[in-house]
């Protein structure tokens, strides 16, 4: 049965800042039991000047800034190519790193607790861990884009199971990215290279795939995804610079393009930098770029309010959708009704 949903842009959180209060290529986010939002900053190329920007920023819905933790490097509590962030039932923070091929664990304040993982294709090893999610038993599930599979661990890093193989057939993957788990035991995977979403049971048995949309509605290079209590699927449609919402039957419910205006942090910055603030006030944030003549990525680069490289979507259980707008260094928040 197709459901009806409405999506109202609420506000934007964050703006570009190499360190401190702001984001630098936020690739994922997670929300703990107290409403703290942990934003994972990938921060672009692995150069010396970028290393301090590879961090986790802590904020909330009202844009209060609670600090950050982590930096670029190979040591304990450091990141090289961070890809995903997840939170367990005790509010411990887990960060997957595609460059270091490991999981790093922190407490809720950002204190380093543990790390585990190693490069390889054997059970319990990693080749580019892309996305993580916890189930109701506090087991950690993750996708691997280079091993083309899903692995399941205890929260302490003990291997439980793995399934998946490279290919384009039913039950196969080509660079799986996002993962979402439901309380009923469904496992949803965004199959990046095959432009589809697949639904499995917890034993890795394929239930169905969602790839029936065509034309402008088709999903292209799906990244992060989330599933609500009604079975609706929220997909960061990375290749189309949009967020798409599918009904439980795979029908298209909505397409979000992005509607961002300046965040509180950006407004504060312009208030103390009036010359830049004046230029900002004169800027046209939604210019007419003649879409038929341009590619989606070119349009997103030129229209600041649109999504540009949306990588992750999260639901907070209170009717809000958060989108990690990676190349705009911000989160866009929508109210879902």
Protein backbone atom coordinates (compact mmCIF):
# COMPACT_ATOMS: atom_id res chain seq x y z
CA UNK A 1 0.00 0.00 0.00
CA UNK A 2 1.35 3.41 -0.97
CA UNK A 3 1.40 5.98 1.82
CA UNK A 4 1.22 9.76 1.60
CA UNK A 5 3.98 11.89 3.09
CA UNK A 6 4.69 15.61 3.09
CA UNK A 7 8.17 17.08 3.48
CA UNK A 8 8.70 20.62 4.74
CA UNK A 9 12.16 22.16 4.85
CA UNK A 10 12.89 23.16 8.44
CA UNK A 11 16.38 24.62 8.64
CA UNK A 12 20.06 24.09 7.97
CA UNK A 13 22.75 23.12 10.47
CA UNK A 14 26.38 24.07 9.93
CA UNK A 15 28.62 25.71 7.37
CA UNK A 16 32.19 25.27 6.13
CA UNK A 17 34.82 25.45 8.85
CA UNK A 18 38.13 23.59 8.76
CA UNK A 19 38.14 23.30 12.55
CA UNK A 20 35.84 24.27 15.39
CA UNK A 21 32.20 25.18 14.92
CA UNK A 22 31.39 23.94 11.45
CA UNK A 23 31.78 21.03 9.05
CA UNK A 24 34.17 19.92 6.34
CA UNK A 25 32.61 17.47 3.89
CA UNK A 26 30.20 15.82 6.35
CA UNK A 27 29.70 12.30 5.02
CA UNK A 28 27.50 10.82 7.75
CA UNK A 29 25.74 11.59 11.03
CA UNK A 30 24.29 9.78 14.03
CA UNK A 31 22.04 10.92 16.87
CA UNK A 32 22.34 9.63 20.43
CA UNK A 33 19.68 9.14 23.11
CA UNK A 34 20.12 12.71 24.39
CA UNK A 35 19.66 14.34 21.00
CA UNK A 36 23.34 15.04 20.38
CA UNK A 37 24.13 14.90 16.67
CA UNK A 38 27.55 13.51 15.79
CA UNK A 39 28.64 14.69 12.35
CA UNK A 40 31.48 12.82 10.65
CA UNK A 41 33.74 15.11 8.61
CA UNK A 42 35.66 13.39 5.83
CA UNK A 43 37.43 16.61 4.82
CA UNK A 44 38.51 15.85 1.30
CA UNK A 45 42.05 14.91 0.18
CA UNK A 46 44.49 13.41 2.69
CA UNK A 47 46.92 16.35 2.82
CA UNK A 48 48.63 17.83 5.87
CA UNK A 49 46.48 20.94 5.82
CA UNK A 50 43.31 18.83 5.78
CA UNK A 51 44.21 16.49 8.64
CA UNK A 52 42.80 18.63 11.50
CA UNK A 53 39.48 18.81 9.62
CA UNK A 54 38.98 15.02 9.78
CA UNK A 55 36.92 15.00 12.94
CA UNK A 56 33.56 14.39 14.55
CA UNK A 57 31.57 17.54 15.34
CA UNK A 58 28.97 17.44 18.14
CA UNK A 59 25.88 19.62 17.87
CA UNK A 60 22.10 19.38 18.20
CA UNK A 61 18.90 20.35 16.42
CA UNK A 62 19.20 23.94 17.72
CA UNK A 63 22.78 24.25 16.46
CA UNK A 64 24.40 24.34 19.86
CA UNK A 65 28.04 23.38 19.45
CA UNK A 66 29.45 20.89 21.96
CA UNK A 67 32.95 20.60 20.53
CA UNK A 68 34.62 17.99 18.35
CA UNK A 69 37.05 15.09 18.59
CA UNK A 70 39.47 13.22 16.38
CA UNK A 71 41.96 14.38 13.79
CA UNK A 72 43.68 13.04 10.71
CA UNK A 73 46.31 10.37 11.20
CA UNK A 74 46.94 6.68 11.82
CA UNK A 75 47.08 6.64 15.61
CA UNK A 76 44.46 5.72 18.18
CA UNK A 77 41.37 7.90 17.81
CA UNK A 78 42.55 9.31 14.48
CA UNK A 79 41.01 9.09 11.00
CA UNK A 80 42.28 8.85 7.47
CA UNK A 81 39.25 8.28 5.24
CA UNK A 82 36.28 8.14 7.64
CA UNK A 83 33.13 6.85 5.99
CA UNK A 84 30.39 6.09 8.53
CA UNK A 85 29.33 6.75 12.12
CA UNK A 86 26.92 4.80 14.34
CA UNK A 87 25.89 4.78 18.00
CA UNK A 88 25.11 1.76 20.19
CA UNK A 89 22.54 1.47 22.98
CA UNK A 90 25.01 2.87 25.52
CA UNK A 91 25.72 5.95 23.39
CA UNK A 92 29.18 4.80 22.42
CA UNK A 93 30.29 6.19 19.06
CA UNK A 94 31.68 3.96 16.30
CA UNK A 95 33.53 5.34 13.26
CA UNK A 96 34.35 3.26 10.17
CA UNK A 97 37.46 4.23 8.23
CA UNK A 98 37.95 3.15 4.61
CA UNK A 99 41.56 4.30 4.62
CA UNK A 100 42.64 2.55 7.83
CA UNK A 101 40.32 -0.46 7.31
CA UNK A 102 39.11 -0.40 10.89
CA UNK A 103 36.41 0.58 13.35
CA UNK A 104 37.26 3.05 16.12
CA UNK A 105 35.14 3.32 19.27
CA UNK A 106 34.67 6.41 21.47
CA UNK A 107 32.57 7.26 24.49
CA UNK A 108 29.85 9.89 24.15
CA UNK A 109 32.34 12.69 24.96
CA UNK A 110 34.81 11.58 22.30
CA UNK A 111 37.30 9.69 24.48
CA UNK A 112 39.03 6.88 22.59
CA UNK A 113 38.01 3.43 23.85
CA UNK A 114 38.95 0.78 21.31
CA UNK A 115 39.75 -0.07 17.71
CA UNK A 116 39.46 -3.26 15.70
CA UNK A 117 39.69 -4.54 12.14
CA UNK A 118 42.34 -5.27 9.53
CA UNK A 119 42.64 -5.11 5.76
CA UNK A 120 41.65 -8.26 3.89
CA UNK A 121 38.83 -10.38 2.53
CA UNK A 122 38.61 -13.04 5.23
CA UNK A 123 35.80 -13.11 7.77
CA UNK A 124 36.15 -10.14 10.10
CA UNK A 125 38.54 -8.27 7.79
CA UNK A 126 37.71 -5.16 5.75
CA UNK A 127 38.09 -3.74 2.27
CA UNK A 128 36.58 -0.26 2.46
CA UNK A 129 33.89 -0.46 5.18
CA UNK A 130 31.29 1.94 3.83
CA UNK A 131 28.32 2.17 6.19
CA UNK A 132 27.27 0.85 9.62
CA UNK A 133 24.06 0.30 11.58
CA UNK A 134 23.15 -1.34 14.90
CA UNK A 135 20.29 -3.80 15.29
CA UNK A 136 18.02 -4.10 18.33
CA UNK A 137 20.44 -6.62 19.90
CA UNK A 138 23.33 -4.15 19.66
CA UNK A 139 25.05 -6.08 16.89
CA UNK A 140 26.95 -3.97 14.38
CA UNK A 141 26.25 -4.49 10.68
CA UNK A 142 28.37 -2.96 7.95
CA UNK A 143 28.77 -2.91 4.20
CA UNK A 144 32.09 -3.22 2.38
CA UNK A 145 32.32 -1.60 -1.01
CA UNK A 146 35.43 -3.51 -2.21
CA UNK A 147 34.51 -6.92 -0.75
CA UNK A 148 30.95 -6.47 -2.02
CA UNK A 149 29.39 -7.94 1.09
CA UNK A 150 27.68 -7.35 4.42
CA UNK A 151 29.27 -8.34 7.73
CA UNK A 152 27.77 -8.63 11.21
CA UNK A 153 29.73 -8.23 14.46
CA UNK A 154 29.11 -7.94 18.16
CA UNK A 155 29.62 -4.39 19.40
CA UNK A 156 33.03 -5.53 20.72
CA UNK A 157 34.18 -6.58 17.27
CA UNK A 158 33.62 -10.34 17.37
CA UNK A 159 32.71 -11.64 13.92
CA UNK A 160 29.25 -13.25 13.62
CA UNK A 161 28.44 -13.68 9.93
CA UNK A 162 28.95 -12.39 6.40
CA UNK A 163 27.14 -12.67 3.08
CA UNK A 164 27.21 -11.22 -0.40
CA UNK A 165 29.34 -11.37 -3.54
CA UNK A 166 30.16 -9.17 -6.49
CA UNK A 167 27.75 -9.13 -9.42
CA UNK A 168 24.60 -7.63 -10.83
CA UNK A 169 22.24 -10.55 -10.30
CA UNK A 170 19.68 -10.95 -7.51
CA UNK A 171 21.40 -10.97 -4.13
CA UNK A 172 24.71 -9.67 -5.52
CA UNK A 173 26.39 -6.30 -5.01
CA UNK A 174 28.56 -3.84 -6.86
CA UNK A 175 30.06 -1.55 -4.23
CA UNK A 176 27.30 -1.62 -1.57
CA UNK A 177 27.09 1.62 0.38
CA UNK A 178 24.16 2.33 2.71
CA UNK A 179 22.57 -0.05 5.19
CA UNK A 180 19.37 0.31 7.23
CA UNK A 181 17.86 -2.17 9.69
CA UNK A 182 14.26 -2.44 10.85
CA UNK A 183 12.87 -3.72 14.14
CA UNK A 184 11.11 -6.50 12.21
CA UNK A 185 14.45 -7.89 10.99
CA UNK A 186 14.71 -6.49 7.47
CA UNK A 187 18.09 -5.41 6.13
CA UNK A 188 18.07 -2.78 3.37
CA UNK A 189 21.20 -2.23 1.27
CA UNK A 190 21.86 0.50 -1.28
CA UNK A 191 23.65 -1.28 -4.11
CA UNK A 192 25.64 1.65 -5.43
CA UNK A 193 27.07 0.27 -8.64
CA UNK A 194 23.85 -1.50 -9.62
CA UNK A 195 21.61 1.54 -9.02
CA UNK A 196 19.17 -0.30 -6.79
CA UNK A 197 18.01 -0.99 -3.25
CA UNK A 198 17.80 -4.58 -2.00
CA UNK A 199 15.91 -5.95 1.00
CA UNK A 200 17.11 -9.06 2.85
CA UNK A 201 16.30 -11.00 5.96
CA UNK A 202 18.95 -11.24 8.67
CA UNK A 203 20.33 -14.47 7.18
CA UNK A 204 21.12 -12.74 3.90
CA UNK A 205 18.20 -14.19 1.96
CA UNK A 206 16.99 -11.72 -0.67
CA UNK A 207 13.36 -10.69 -0.21
CA UNK A 208 13.01 -8.11 -2.96
CA UNK A 209 14.82 -5.41 -4.88
CA UNK A 210 13.74 -1.90 -5.79
CA UNK A 211 14.97 -0.88 -9.21
CA UNK A 212 11.77 -0.39 -11.17
CA UNK A 213 11.81 3.40 -11.48
CA UNK A 214 12.75 4.80 -14.87
CA UNK A 215 13.62 8.07 -16.57
CA UNK A 216 14.01 11.04 -14.25
CA UNK A 217 12.63 8.99 -11.36
CA UNK A 218 15.35 6.34 -11.57
CA UNK A 219 17.85 6.08 -8.73
CA UNK A 220 21.47 6.55 -9.74
CA UNK A 221 24.35 5.67 -7.42
CA UNK A 222 22.39 5.39 -4.15
CA UNK A 223 24.39 6.20 -1.03
CA UNK A 224 23.03 6.29 2.53
CA UNK A 225 19.48 5.21 3.28
CA UNK A 226 16.96 5.01 6.11
CA UNK A 227 13.65 3.21 6.61
CA UNK A 228 10.79 4.50 8.76
CA UNK A 229 8.28 2.52 10.83
CA UNK A 230 5.86 2.31 7.90
CA UNK A 231 8.45 0.77 5.59
CA UNK A 232 9.08 3.91 3.53
CA UNK A 233 12.63 4.11 2.19
CA UNK A 234 14.66 7.34 2.21
CA UNK A 235 17.62 7.28 -0.18
CA UNK A 236 20.48 9.71 -0.70
CA UNK A 237 20.34 9.58 -4.49
CA UNK A 238 23.94 10.66 -4.86
CA UNK A 239 24.16 10.33 -8.63
CA UNK A 240 21.11 12.54 -9.15
CA UNK A 241 21.94 15.10 -6.41
CA UNK A 242 18.61 14.43 -4.72
CA UNK A 243 16.93 12.56 -1.91
CA UNK A 244 14.22 10.15 -3.02
CA UNK A 245 11.52 8.64 -0.84
CA UNK A 246 10.03 5.30 -1.86
CA UNK A 247 6.93 3.62 -0.51
CA UNK A 248 7.10 0.07 0.88
CA UNK A 249 6.23 -1.21 -2.60
CA UNK A 250 9.06 0.76 -4.23
CA UNK A 251 6.84 3.45 -5.73
CA UNK A 252 8.17 7.00 -5.72
CA UNK A 253 6.56 9.13 -2.99
CA UNK A 254 8.72 12.24 -3.18
CA UNK A 255 11.87 13.77 -4.63
CA UNK A 256 13.71 16.39 -2.58
CA UNK A 257 16.13 18.75 -4.33
CA UNK A 258 17.25 20.81 -1.33
CA UNK A 259 16.00 24.20 -0.14
CA UNK A 260 18.75 25.42 2.16
CA UNK A 261 19.16 28.93 3.51
CA UNK A 262 21.93 30.09 5.83
CA UNK A 263 22.33 28.36 9.18
CA UNK A 264 22.66 30.13 12.54
CA UNK A 265 26.39 29.51 12.44
CA UNK A 266 26.65 31.11 9.01
CA UNK A 267 24.55 34.09 10.17
CA UNK A 268 26.85 34.56 13.17
CA UNK A 269 29.87 34.53 10.89
CA UNK A 270 28.43 37.14 8.53
CA UNK A 271 27.41 39.32 11.49
CA UNK A 272 31.06 39.72 12.52
CA UNK A 273 32.27 39.91 8.91
CA UNK A 274 29.92 42.59 7.51
CA UNK A 275 31.63 42.99 4.15
CA UNK A 276 31.17 39.31 3.39
CA UNK A 277 27.68 39.52 4.84
CA UNK A 278 26.81 42.32 2.41
CA UNK A 279 28.05 40.30 -0.55
CA UNK A 280 26.08 37.34 0.74
CA UNK A 281 22.87 39.36 0.95
CA UNK A 282 23.26 40.37 -2.68
CA UNK A 283 23.92 36.83 -3.92
CA UNK A 284 21.30 34.90 -5.88
CA UNK A 285 21.10 31.54 -4.14
CA UNK A 286 18.57 30.00 -6.53
CA UNK A 287 19.58 31.22 -10.02
CA UNK A 288 17.90 29.94 -13.15
CA UNK A 289 20.53 27.73 -14.76
CA UNK A 290 18.46 26.37 -17.64
CA UNK A 291 18.43 22.75 -16.34
CA UNK A 292 17.88 21.05 -19.72
CA UNK A 293 21.28 22.29 -20.83
CA UNK A 294 23.19 21.21 -17.75
CA UNK A 295 23.96 18.06 -15.80
CA UNK A 296 22.57 17.62 -12.30
CA UNK A 297 25.98 18.03 -10.68
CA UNK A 298 26.61 21.29 -12.54
CA UNK A 299 23.21 22.59 -11.43
CA UNK A 300 23.85 21.65 -7.81
CA UNK A 301 27.25 23.36 -7.92
CA UNK A 302 25.61 26.56 -9.13
CA UNK A 303 22.43 26.63 -7.03
CA UNK A 304 23.48 26.94 -3.43
CA UNK A 305 20.16 25.92 -1.92
CA UNK A 306 20.22 22.54 -3.66
CA UNK A 307 21.85 19.35 -2.41
CA UNK A 308 25.36 18.83 -3.70
CA UNK A 309 26.73 15.36 -3.06
CA UNK A 310 24.13 14.11 -0.56
CA UNK A 311 25.75 11.12 1.16
CA UNK A 312 23.61 10.16 4.15
CA UNK A 313 20.04 10.41 5.40
CA UNK A 314 18.88 9.81 8.98
CA UNK A 315 15.53 9.86 10.78
CA UNK A 316 15.33 10.92 14.42
CA UNK A 317 12.11 9.19 15.47
CA UNK A 318 10.34 12.53 15.91
CA UNK A 319 9.37 13.10 12.32
CA UNK A 320 12.56 14.78 11.16
CA UNK A 321 14.79 13.85 8.23
CA UNK A 322 18.46 14.89 8.25
CA UNK A 323 20.48 14.99 5.03
CA UNK A 324 24.28 15.13 5.02
CA UNK A 325 24.84 17.66 2.22
CA UNK A 326 28.49 16.75 1.81
CA UNK A 327 29.87 19.19 -0.76
CA UNK A 328 27.95 22.09 0.84
CA UNK A 329 29.37 21.30 4.30
CA UNK A 330 26.00 21.27 6.05
CA UNK A 331 22.95 19.28 7.13
CA UNK A 332 19.52 20.06 5.74
CA UNK A 333 16.62 19.19 8.04
CA UNK A 334 13.07 18.39 6.92
CA UNK A 335 9.88 17.83 8.87
CA UNK A 336 8.07 14.70 7.70
CA UNK A 337 4.30 14.39 8.12
